[in-house]
Amino acid sequence: MDQAVVLSQTIALTQLAIACLLGGVIGFERQVKQKPAGLKTHAFVAGASALFVILSLILVKQAGIVIGPDILKADPIRIFQAIILGISFIGAGTIIRDGEGHIQGLTTASTLLLSVTVGIAVALEQYVLALGITF
């Protein structure tokens, strides 16, 4: 395997580890408060969103080589839309309204969305921003 490929994949794995770690930090607080989505869920959400962005960037680069950069028209916002749609579905499942009209789980849904943004920020190499968002 080419050294450049190994290096790029090592960087991607490092980014995934950072995203999972930061997502886990967000989830730790939720787990301590015994909320539905805890450390593992938030870590997985942040890691998965980072992986989607990393893979989409790789796909666009490889498709540009095969198809040609003049023909390829990539829209990077679409991957964000897909990630946000997916996490919104999961987040909606954490929101419960009881018989008295009280709503529970809204903060958990919000922290899942926050974990997604942390993962995206890490994948885009915005490490200071990702740390700031986390803390």
C-alpha atoms as a PDB file:
ATOM      1  CA  MET A   1       0.000   0.000   0.000  1.00  0.00           C
ATOM      2  CA  ASP A   2       1.212   3.487  -0.859  1.00  0.00           C
ATOM      3  CA  GLN A   3       2.602   5.516   2.079  1.00  0.00           C
ATOM      4  CA  ALA A   4       0.367   8.476   1.207  1.00  0.00           C
ATOM      5  CA  VAL A   5      -2.708   6.243   1.427  1.00  0.00           C
ATOM      6  CA  VAL A   6      -1.609   4.821   4.768  1.00  0.00           C
ATOM      7  CA  LEU A   7      -0.955   8.325   6.082  1.00  0.00           C
ATOM      8  CA  SER A   8      -4.337   9.653   4.934  1.00  0.00           C
ATOM      9  CA  GLN A   9      -6.141   6.681   6.470  1.00  0.00           C
ATOM     10  CA  THR A  10      -4.184   7.106   9.716  1.00  0.00           C
ATOM     11  CA  ILE A  11      -5.207  10.762   9.808  1.00  0.00           C
ATOM     12  CA  ALA A  12      -8.831   9.752   9.186  1.00  0.00           C
ATOM     13  CA  LEU A  13      -8.700   7.203  12.037  1.00  0.00           C
ATOM     14  CA  THR A  14      -7.208   9.854  14.312  1.00  0.00           C
ATOM     15  CA  GLN A  15     -10.006  12.240  13.377  1.00  0.00           C
ATOM     16  CA  LEU A  16     -12.573   9.545  14.133  1.00  0.00           C
ATOM     17  CA  ALA A  17     -10.983   8.889  17.518  1.00  0.00           C
ATOM     18  CA  ILE A  18     -11.045  12.614  18.336  1.00  0.00           C
ATOM     19  CA  ALA A  19     -14.691  12.905  17.246  1.00  0.00           C
ATOM     20  CA  CYS A  20     -15.688   9.889  19.343  1.00  0.00           C
ATOM     21  CA  LEU A  21     -13.778  11.215  22.344  1.00  0.00           C
ATOM     22  CA  LEU A  22     -15.408  14.647  22.148  1.00  0.00           C
ATOM     23  CA  GLY A  23     -18.844  13.133  21.561  1.00  0.00           C
ATOM     24  CA  GLY A  24     -18.228  10.897  24.561  1.00  0.00           C
ATOM     25  CA  VAL A  25     -17.459  13.941  26.695  1.00  0.00           C
ATOM     26  CA  ILE A  26     -20.851  15.397  25.786  1.00  0.00           C
ATOM     27  CA  GLY A  27     -22.528  12.040  26.413  1.00  0.00           C
ATOM     28  CA  PHE A  28     -20.784  11.558  29.761  1.00  0.00           C
ATOM     29  CA  GLU A  29     -22.730  14.460  31.229  1.00  0.00           C
ATOM     30  CA  ARG A  30     -25.980  12.933  29.954  1.00  0.00           C
ATOM     31  CA  GLN A  31     -25.050   9.520  31.329  1.00  0.00           C
ATOM     32  CA  VAL A  32     -24.239  10.926  34.772  1.00  0.00           C
ATOM     33  CA  LYS A  33     -27.736  12.451  34.798  1.00  0.00           C
ATOM     34  CA  GLN A  34     -29.121   9.023  33.749  1.00  0.00           C
ATOM     35  CA  LYS A  35     -30.641  10.303  30.515  1.00  0.00           C
ATOM     36  CA  PRO A  36     -31.646   8.019  27.602  1.00  0.00           C
ATOM     37  CA  ALA A  37     -28.594   8.683  25.396  1.00  0.00           C
ATOM     38  CA  GLY A  38     -25.264   8.565  27.185  1.00  0.00           C
ATOM     39  CA  LEU A  39     -21.542   8.328  26.539  1.00  0.00           C
ATOM     40  CA  LYS A  40     -21.574   5.552  23.943  1.00  0.00           C
ATOM     41  CA  THR A  41     -24.491   6.955  21.962  1.00  0.00           C
ATOM     42  CA  HIS A  42     -22.975  10.438  21.739  1.00  0.00           C
ATOM     43  CA  ALA A  43     -19.546   9.004  20.886  1.00  0.00           C
ATOM     44  CA  PHE A  44     -21.059   6.877  18.113  1.00  0.00           C
ATOM     45  CA  VAL A  45     -23.070   9.807  16.748  1.00  0.00           C
ATOM     46  CA  ALA A  46     -20.017  12.096  16.633  1.00  0.00           C
ATOM     47  CA  GLY A  47     -17.845   9.373  15.130  1.00  0.00           C
ATOM     48  CA  ALA A  48     -20.418   8.384  12.526  1.00  0.00           C
ATOM     49  CA  SER A  49     -20.966  11.965  11.396  1.00  0.00           C
ATOM     50  CA  ALA A  50     -17.208  12.471  11.102  1.00  0.00           C
ATOM     51  CA  LEU A  51     -16.912   9.248   9.114  1.00  0.00           C
ATOM     52  CA  PHE A  52     -19.703  10.289   6.723  1.00  0.00           C
ATOM     53  CA  VAL A  53     -17.947  13.596   6.039  1.00  0.00           C
ATOM     54  CA  ILE A  54     -14.510  11.971   5.650  1.00  0.00           C
ATOM     55  CA  LEU A  55     -15.872   9.337   3.267  1.00  0.00           C
ATOM     56  CA  SER A  56     -17.768  11.924   1.243  1.00  0.00           C
ATOM     57  CA  LEU A  57     -14.604  14.006   0.843  1.00  0.00           C
ATOM     58  CA  ILE A  58     -12.698  10.897  -0.277  1.00  0.00           C
ATOM     59  CA  LEU A  59     -15.492   9.926  -2.677  1.00  0.00           C
ATOM     60  CA  VAL A  60     -15.577  13.367  -4.271  1.00  0.00           C
ATOM     61  CA  LYS A  61     -11.794  13.339  -4.691  1.00  0.00           C
ATOM     62  CA  GLN A  62     -11.768   9.841  -6.227  1.00  0.00           C
ATOM     63  CA  ALA A  63     -14.756  10.567  -8.472  1.00  0.00           C
ATOM     64  CA  GLY A  64     -13.036  13.747  -9.631  1.00  0.00           C
ATOM     65  CA  ILE A  65     -10.033  11.682 -10.707  1.00  0.00           C
ATOM     66  CA  VAL A  66     -12.139   9.110 -12.570  1.00  0.00           C
ATOM     67  CA  ILE A  67     -14.767  11.408 -14.074  1.00  0.00           C
ATOM     68  CA  GLY A  68     -12.692  14.536 -14.317  1.00  0.00           C
ATOM     69  CA  PRO A  69     -12.822  17.669 -12.180  1.00  0.00           C
ATOM     70  CA  ASP A  70     -14.518  19.672 -14.941  1.00  0.00           C
ATOM     71  CA  ILE A  71     -17.466  17.268 -15.142  1.00  0.00           C
ATOM     72  CA  LEU A  72     -17.913  16.467 -11.436  1.00  0.00           C
ATOM     73  CA  LYS A  73     -20.275  18.819  -9.636  1.00  0.00           C
ATOM     74  CA  ALA A  74     -20.209  17.976  -5.915  1.00  0.00           C
ATOM     75  CA  ASP A  75     -22.436  19.629  -3.334  1.00  0.00           C
ATOM     76  CA  PRO A  76     -20.875  19.171   0.128  1.00  0.00           C
ATOM     77  CA  ILE A  77     -23.975  20.554   1.854  1.00  0.00           C
ATOM     78  CA  ARG A  78     -25.938  17.432   0.914  1.00  0.00           C
ATOM     79  CA  ILE A  79     -23.931  15.238   3.272  1.00  0.00           C
ATOM     80  CA  PHE A  80     -24.751  17.661   6.102  1.00  0.00           C
ATOM     81  CA  GLN A  81     -28.428  17.470   5.177  1.00  0.00           C
ATOM     82  CA  ALA A  82     -28.360  13.667   5.262  1.00  0.00           C
ATOM     83  CA  ILE A  83     -26.578  13.570   8.624  1.00  0.00           C
ATOM     84  CA  ILE A  84     -28.917  16.118  10.179  1.00  0.00           C
ATOM     85  CA  LEU A  85     -31.986  14.315   8.839  1.00  0.00           C
ATOM     86  CA  GLY A  86     -30.763  11.031  10.294  1.00  0.00           C
ATOM     87  CA  ILE A  87     -29.962  12.456  13.717  1.00  0.00           C
ATOM     88  CA  SER A  88     -33.245  14.357  13.781  1.00  0.00           C
ATOM     89  CA  PHE A  89     -35.052  11.050  13.391  1.00  0.00           C
ATOM     90  CA  ILE A  90     -33.072   9.550  16.285  1.00  0.00           C
ATOM     91  CA  GLY A  91     -33.493  12.701  18.377  1.00  0.00           C
ATOM     92  CA  ALA A  92     -37.241  12.717  17.831  1.00  0.00           C
ATOM     93  CA  GLY A  93     -37.352   9.235  19.331  1.00  0.00           C
ATOM     94  CA  THR A  94     -35.900  10.554  22.585  1.00  0.00           C
ATOM     95  CA  ILE A  95     -38.608  13.211  23.014  1.00  0.00           C
ATOM     96  CA  ILE A  96     -41.602  12.109  25.066  1.00  0.00           C
ATOM     97  CA  ARG A  97     -44.716  14.024  26.092  1.00  0.00           C
ATOM     98  CA  ASP A  98     -46.504  12.724  29.154  1.00  0.00           C
ATOM     99  CA  GLY A  99     -50.230  12.922  29.877  1.00  0.00           C
ATOM    100  CA  GLU A 100     -49.818  16.203  31.768  1.00  0.00           C
ATOM    101  CA  GLY A 101     -48.228  17.993  28.830  1.00  0.00           C
ATOM    102  CA  HIS A 102     -44.652  17.840  30.134  1.00  0.00           C
ATOM    103  CA  ILE A 103     -41.964  17.267  27.527  1.00  0.00           C
ATOM    104  CA  GLN A 104     -38.924  15.108  28.295  1.00  0.00           C
ATOM    105  CA  GLY A 105     -35.903  14.306  26.171  1.00  0.00           C
ATOM    106  CA  LEU A 106     -35.597  17.612  24.343  1.00  0.00           C
ATOM    107  CA  THR A 107     -32.170  18.325  25.829  1.00  0.00           C
ATOM    108  CA  THR A 108     -31.002  14.816  24.951  1.00  0.00           C
ATOM    109  CA  ALA A 109     -32.111  15.338  21.350  1.00  0.00           C
ATOM    110  CA  SER A 110     -30.264  18.660  21.317  1.00  0.00           C
ATOM    111  CA  THR A 111     -27.055  17.138  22.657  1.00  0.00           C
ATOM    112  CA  LEU A 112     -27.212  14.456  19.971  1.00  0.00           C
ATOM    113  CA  LEU A 113     -27.415  17.210  17.362  1.00  0.00           C
ATOM    114  CA  LEU A 114     -24.487  18.927  19.074  1.00  0.00           C
ATOM    115  CA  SER A 115     -22.466  15.702  18.902  1.00  0.00           C
ATOM    116  CA  VAL A 116     -23.137  15.577  15.157  1.00  0.00           C
ATOM    117  CA  THR A 117     -21.758  19.090  14.729  1.00  0.00           C
ATOM    118  CA  VAL A 118     -18.667  18.153  16.731  1.00  0.00           C
ATOM    119  CA  GLY A 119     -18.061  15.177  14.440  1.00  0.00           C
ATOM    120  CA  ILE A 120     -18.492  17.319  11.343  1.00  0.00           C
ATOM    121  CA  ALA A 121     -16.147  19.979  12.718  1.00  0.00           C
ATOM    122  CA  VAL A 122     -13.452  17.363  13.436  1.00  0.00           C
ATOM    123  CA  ALA A 123     -13.802  15.846   9.959  1.00  0.00           C
ATOM    124  CA  LEU A 124     -13.320  19.314   8.472  1.00  0.00           C
ATOM    125  CA  GLU A 125     -10.186  19.747  10.633  1.00  0.00           C
ATOM    126  CA  GLN A 126     -11.783  22.491  12.721  1.00  0.00           C
ATOM    127  CA  TYR A 127     -10.301  21.143  15.965  1.00  0.00           C
ATOM    128  CA  VAL A 128     -10.409  24.338  18.028  1.00  0.00           C
ATOM    129  CA  LEU A 129     -14.022  24.833  17.039  1.00  0.00           C
ATOM    130  CA  ALA A 130     -14.845  21.213  17.917  1.00  0.00           C
ATOM    131  CA  LEU A 131     -13.202  21.570  21.336  1.00  0.00           C
ATOM    132  CA  GLY A 132     -15.005  24.846  21.938  1.00  0.00           C
ATOM    133  CA  ILE A 133     -18.364  23.347  20.982  1.00  0.00           C
ATOM    134  CA  THR A 134     -17.753  20.385  23.287  1.00  0.00           C
ATOM    135  CA  PHE A 135     -16.850  22.389  26.340  1.00  0.00           C
END
